[in-house]
Every structure is written in structure tokens, then in C-alpha cells.
PDB file of N, CA and C in Angstrom:
ATOM      1  N   MET A   1     -10.860  -8.252  -1.802  1.00  0.00           N
ATOM      2  CA  MET A   1     -10.847  -7.033  -2.588  1.00  0.00           C
ATOM      3  C   MET A   1      -9.473  -6.377  -2.413  1.00  0.00           C
ATOM      4  N   ASP A   2      -8.880  -6.002  -3.528  1.00  0.00           N
ATOM      5  CA  ASP A   2      -7.558  -5.390  -3.430  1.00  0.00           C
ATOM      6  C   ASP A   2      -7.661  -3.887  -3.155  1.00  0.00           C
ATOM      7  N   ALA A   3      -6.532  -3.285  -2.855  1.00  0.00           N
ATOM      8  CA  ALA A   3      -6.501  -1.878  -2.450  1.00  0.00           C
ATOM      9  C   ALA A   3      -6.968  -0.945  -3.566  1.00  0.00           C
ATOM     10  N   ARG A   4      -6.630  -1.272  -4.801  1.00  0.00           N
ATOM     11  CA  ARG A   4      -7.040  -0.419  -5.932  1.00  0.00           C
ATOM     12  C   ARG A   4      -8.557  -0.414  -6.093  1.00  0.00           C
ATOM     13  N   GLU A   5      -9.158  -1.583  -6.016  1.00  0.00           N
ATOM     14  CA  GLU A   5     -10.615  -1.681  -6.147  1.00  0.00           C
ATOM     15  C   GLU A   5     -11.302  -0.935  -5.005  1.00  0.00           C
ATOM     16  N   LEU A   6     -10.759  -1.049  -3.813  1.00  0.00           N
ATOM     17  CA  LEU A   6     -11.318  -0.330  -2.667  1.00  0.00           C
ATOM     18  C   LEU A   6     -11.240   1.180  -2.889  1.00  0.00           C
ATOM     19  N   ALA A   7     -10.104   1.659  -3.392  1.00  0.00           N
ATOM     20  CA  ALA A   7      -9.943   3.086  -3.663  1.00  0.00           C
ATOM     21  C   ALA A   7     -10.950   3.560  -4.710  1.00  0.00           C
ATOM     22  N   ILE A   8     -11.181   2.751  -5.732  1.00  0.00           N
ATOM     23  CA  ILE A   8     -12.155   3.104  -6.770  1.00  0.00           C
ATOM     24  C   ILE A   8     -13.549   3.197  -6.171  1.00  0.00           C
ATOM     25  N   GLN A   9     -13.903   2.232  -5.353  1.00  0.00           N
ATOM     26  CA  GLN A   9     -15.232   2.231  -4.746  1.00  0.00           C
ATOM     27  C   GLN A   9     -15.420   3.413  -3.792  1.00  0.00           C
ATOM     28  N   LEU A  10     -14.406   3.724  -3.011  1.00  0.00           N
ATOM     29  CA  LEU A  10     -14.498   4.855  -2.084  1.00  0.00           C
ATOM     30  C   LEU A  10     -14.586   6.182  -2.833  1.00  0.00           C
ATOM     31  N   ALA A  11     -13.784   6.327  -3.874  1.00  0.00           N
ATOM     32  CA  ALA A  11     -13.824   7.557  -4.664  1.00  0.00           C
ATOM     33  C   ALA A  11     -15.177   7.723  -5.333  1.00  0.00           C
ATOM     34  N   THR A  12     -15.721   6.641  -5.861  1.00  0.00           N
ATOM     35  CA  THR A  12     -17.037   6.674  -6.498  1.00  0.00           C
ATOM     36  C   THR A  12     -18.111   7.046  -5.490  1.00  0.00           C
ATOM     37  N   ARG A  13     -18.061   6.427  -4.329  1.00  0.00           N
ATOM     38  CA  ARG A  13     -19.042   6.710  -3.281  1.00  0.00           C
ATOM     39  C   ARG A  13     -18.986   8.170  -2.847  1.00  0.00           C
ATOM     40  N   ASP A  14     -17.777   8.656  -2.578  1.00  0.00           N
ATOM     41  CA  ASP A  14     -17.627  10.029  -2.104  1.00  0.00           C
ATOM     42  C   ASP A  14     -18.008  11.049  -3.173  1.00  0.00           C
ATOM     43  N   TYR A  15     -17.687  10.775  -4.417  1.00  0.00           N
ATOM     44  CA  TYR A  15     -18.073  11.693  -5.500  1.00  0.00           C
ATOM     45  C   TYR A  15     -19.591  11.738  -5.637  1.00  0.00           C
ATOM     46  N   ASN A  16     -20.226  10.584  -5.628  1.00  0.00           N
ATOM     47  CA  ASN A  16     -21.685  10.530  -5.759  1.00  0.00           C
ATOM     48  C   ASN A  16     -22.396  11.145  -4.553  1.00  0.00           C
ATOM     49  N   ALA A  17     -21.773  11.088  -3.385  1.00  0.00           N
ATOM     50  CA  ALA A  17     -22.362  11.658  -2.170  1.00  0.00           C
ATOM     51  C   ALA A  17     -22.175  13.172  -2.091  1.00  0.00           C
ATOM     52  N   GLY A  18     -21.349  13.725  -2.982  1.00  0.00           N
ATOM     53  CA  GLY A  18     -21.131  15.163  -2.987  1.00  0.00           C
ATOM     54  C   GLY A  18     -19.964  15.622  -2.138  1.00  0.00           C
ATOM     55  N   THR A  19     -19.181  14.683  -1.626  1.00  0.00           N
ATOM     56  CA  THR A  19     -18.005  15.042  -0.835  1.00  0.00           C
ATOM     57  C   THR A  19     -17.005  15.814  -1.692  1.00  0.00           C
ATOM     58  N   PHE A  20     -16.905  15.432  -2.951  1.00  0.00           N
ATOM     59  CA  PHE A  20     -16.022  16.113  -3.901  1.00  0.00           C
ATOM     60  C   PHE A  20     -16.870  16.764  -4.979  1.00  0.00           C
ATOM     61  N   THR A  21     -16.450  17.936  -5.410  1.00  0.00           N
ATOM     62  CA  THR A  21     -17.205  18.636  -6.447  1.00  0.00           C
ATOM     63  C   THR A  21     -16.744  18.260  -7.845  1.00  0.00           C
ATOM     64  N   SER A  22     -15.614  17.557  -7.941  1.00  0.00           N
ATOM     65  CA  SER A  22     -15.133  17.143  -9.257  1.00  0.00           C
ATOM     66  C   SER A  22     -14.579  15.725  -9.190  1.00  0.00           C
ATOM     67  N   GLN A  23     -14.628  15.071 -10.322  1.00  0.00           N
ATOM     68  CA  GLN A  23     -14.051  13.732 -10.423  1.00  0.00           C
ATOM     69  C   GLN A  23     -12.544  13.805 -10.223  1.00  0.00           C
ATOM     70  N   ARG A  24     -11.946  14.854 -10.728  1.00  0.00           N
ATOM     71  CA  ARG A  24     -10.496  15.020 -10.610  1.00  0.00           C
ATOM     72  C   ARG A  24     -10.065  15.061  -9.147  1.00  0.00           C
ATOM     73  N   ALA A  25     -10.803  15.789  -8.323  1.00  0.00           N
ATOM     74  CA  ALA A  25     -10.467  15.892  -6.902  1.00  0.00           C
ATOM     75  C   ALA A  25     -10.598  14.542  -6.206  1.00  0.00           C
ATOM     76  N   ALA A  26     -11.666  13.825  -6.495  1.00  0.00           N
ATOM     77  CA  ALA A  26     -11.864  12.507  -5.879  1.00  0.00           C
ATOM     78  C   ALA A  26     -10.767  11.545  -6.304  1.00  0.00           C
ATOM     79  N   ALA A  27     -10.435  11.544  -7.581  1.00  0.00           N
ATOM     80  CA  ALA A  27      -9.393  10.653  -8.084  1.00  0.00           C
ATOM     81  C   ALA A  27      -8.043  10.980  -7.454  1.00  0.00           C
ATOM     82  N   LYS A  28      -7.748  12.250  -7.306  1.00  0.00           N
ATOM     83  CA  LYS A  28      -6.464  12.669  -6.740  1.00  0.00           C
ATOM     84  C   LYS A  28      -6.322  12.228  -5.290  1.00  0.00           C
ATOM     85  N   VAL A  29      -7.368  12.413  -4.499  1.00  0.00           N
ATOM     86  CA  VAL A  29      -7.321  12.038  -3.084  1.00  0.00           C
ATOM     87  C   VAL A  29      -7.066  10.540  -2.926  1.00  0.00           C
ATOM     88  N   TYR A  30      -7.672   9.742  -3.775  1.00  0.00           N
ATOM     89  CA  TYR A  30      -7.537   8.292  -3.662  1.00  0.00           C
ATOM     90  C   TYR A  30      -6.412   7.720  -4.526  1.00  0.00           C
ATOM     91  N   GLY A  31      -5.647   8.576  -5.170  1.00  0.00           N
ATOM     92  CA  GLY A  31      -4.491   8.136  -5.940  1.00  0.00           C
ATOM     93  C   GLY A  31      -4.843   7.359  -7.190  1.00  0.00           C
ATOM     94  N   LEU A  32      -5.919   7.756  -7.847  1.00  0.00           N
ATOM     95  CA  LEU A  32      -6.379   7.070  -9.052  1.00  0.00           C
ATOM     96  C   LEU A  32      -6.254   7.979 -10.264  1.00  0.00           C
ATOM     97  N   PRO A  33      -6.086   7.387 -11.443  1.00  0.00           N
ATOM     98  CA  PRO A  33      -6.195   8.199 -12.651  1.00  0.00           C
ATOM     99  C   PRO A  33      -7.642   8.668 -12.808  1.00  0.00           C
ATOM    100  N   GLN A  34      -7.818   9.883 -13.277  1.00  0.00           N
ATOM    101  CA  GLN A  34      -9.167  10.412 -13.460  1.00  0.00           C
ATOM    102  C   GLN A  34      -9.954   9.546 -14.434  1.00  0.00           C
ATOM    103  N   SER A  35      -9.276   9.005 -15.437  1.00  0.00           N
ATOM    104  CA  SER A  35      -9.965   8.174 -16.431  1.00  0.00           C
ATOM    105  C   SER A  35     -10.542   6.908 -15.801  1.00  0.00           C
ATOM    106  N   THR A  36      -9.863   6.358 -14.814  1.00  0.00           N
ATOM    107  CA  THR A  36     -10.365   5.163 -14.134  1.00  0.00           C
ATOM    108  C   THR A  36     -11.661   5.474 -13.402  1.00  0.00           C
ATOM    109  N   LEU A  37     -11.677   6.585 -12.695  1.00  0.00           N
ATOM    110  CA  LEU A  37     -12.883   6.975 -11.971  1.00  0.00           C
ATOM    111  C   LEU A  37     -14.017   7.281 -12.942  1.00  0.00           C
ATOM    112  N   TYR A  38     -13.709   7.997 -14.004  1.00  0.00           N
ATOM    113  CA  TYR A  38     -14.723   8.320 -15.011  1.00  0.00           C
ATOM    114  C   TYR A  38     -15.325   7.040 -15.596  1.00  0.00           C
ATOM    115  N   ASN A  39     -14.464   6.116 -15.966  1.00  0.00           N
ATOM    116  CA  ASN A  39     -14.943   4.860 -16.555  1.00  0.00           C
ATOM    117  C   ASN A  39     -15.824   4.093 -15.590  1.00  0.00           C
ATOM    118  N   ARG A  40     -15.470   4.067 -14.331  1.00  0.00           N
ATOM    119  CA  ARG A  40     -16.279   3.352 -13.351  1.00  0.00           C
ATOM    120  C   ARG A  40     -17.615   4.056 -13.118  1.00  0.00           C
ATOM    121  N   LEU A  41     -17.595   5.370 -13.098  1.00  0.00           N
ATOM    122  CA  LEU A  41     -18.832   6.124 -12.879  1.00  0.00           C
ATOM    123  C   LEU A  41     -19.820   5.942 -14.026  1.00  0.00           C
ATOM    124  N   TYR A  42     -19.298   5.850 -15.225  1.00  0.00           N
ATOM    125  CA  TYR A  42     -20.172   5.752 -16.389  1.00  0.00           C
ATOM    126  C   TYR A  42     -20.218   4.348 -16.973  1.00  0.00           C
ATOM    127  N   SER A  43     -19.761   3.374 -16.193  1.00  0.00           N
ATOM    128  CA  SER A  43     -19.898   1.942 -16.479  1.00  0.00           C
ATOM    129  C   SER A  43     -19.355   1.498 -17.828  1.00  0.00           C
ATOM    130  N   THR A  44     -18.228   2.023 -18.218  1.00  0.00           N
ATOM    131  CA  THR A  44     -17.590   1.497 -19.412  1.00  0.00           C
ATOM    132  C   THR A  44     -16.854   0.225 -19.024  1.00  0.00           C
ATOM    133  N   ILE A  45     -16.679  -0.661 -19.940  1.00  0.00           N
ATOM    134  CA  ILE A  45     -16.037  -1.947 -19.664  1.00  0.00           C
ATOM    135  C   ILE A  45     -14.523  -1.760 -19.642  1.00  0.00           C
ATOM    136  N   THR A  46     -13.880  -2.303 -18.622  1.00  0.00           N
ATOM    137  CA  THR A  46     -12.428  -2.212 -18.521  1.00  0.00           C
ATOM    138  C   THR A  46     -11.785  -3.158 -19.518  1.00  0.00           C
ATOM    139  N   SER A  47     -10.541  -2.894 -19.846  1.00  0.00           N
ATOM    140  CA  SER A  47      -9.853  -3.735 -20.819  1.00  0.00           C
ATOM    141  C   SER A  47      -9.657  -5.151 -20.296  1.00  0.00           C
ATOM    142  N   THR A  48      -9.424  -5.308 -19.006  1.00  0.00           N
ATOM    143  CA  THR A  48      -9.236  -6.658 -18.466  1.00  0.00           C
ATOM    144  C   THR A  48     -10.550  -7.424 -18.398  1.00  0.00           C
ATOM    145  N   ALA A  49     -11.648  -6.738 -18.184  1.00  0.00           N
ATOM    146  CA  ALA A  49     -12.942  -7.410 -18.114  1.00  0.00           C
ATOM    147  C   ALA A  49     -13.444  -7.815 -19.491  1.00  0.00           C
ATOM    148  N   SER A  50     -12.967  -7.151 -20.523  1.00  0.00           N
ATOM    149  CA  SER A  50     -13.464  -7.441 -21.862  1.00  0.00           C
ATOM    150  C   SER A  50     -12.840  -8.697 -22.456  1.00  0.00           C
ATOM    151  N   TYR A  51     -11.766  -9.193 -21.866  1.00  0.00           N
ATOM    152  CA  TYR A  51     -11.104 -10.389 -22.404  1.00  0.00           C
ATOM    153  C   TYR A  51     -11.516 -11.629 -21.686  1.00  0.00           C
TER     154      TYR A  51
END
């Protein structure tokens, strides 16, 4: 698992656990774009996975 995927999983876990009150805060702490976290939380298909 690469560092980016780990950051996404940790941000998702912490947001769902209530550690962060906003997606923006969780994304910022883990150095992710807010859109990436949003997409992962709501299970939209990534552009690389769709090809």
C-alpha cells in the first residue's frame, strides 16, 4: 500500500470516527485534496479505476 492510499484510509477512518468535524479538516491534516476524500467517502469511481 502506498503512502497516498494510507493517508486516504486514515482520513476516512478518522472522519467517520468523529475525530474531525469536517471533511476539509481531515483532508488538510493528511495532505489530501478535499475532493479525493469526498469521492472515497461516497464511493465514486476514480478515473484510474474506471479504465
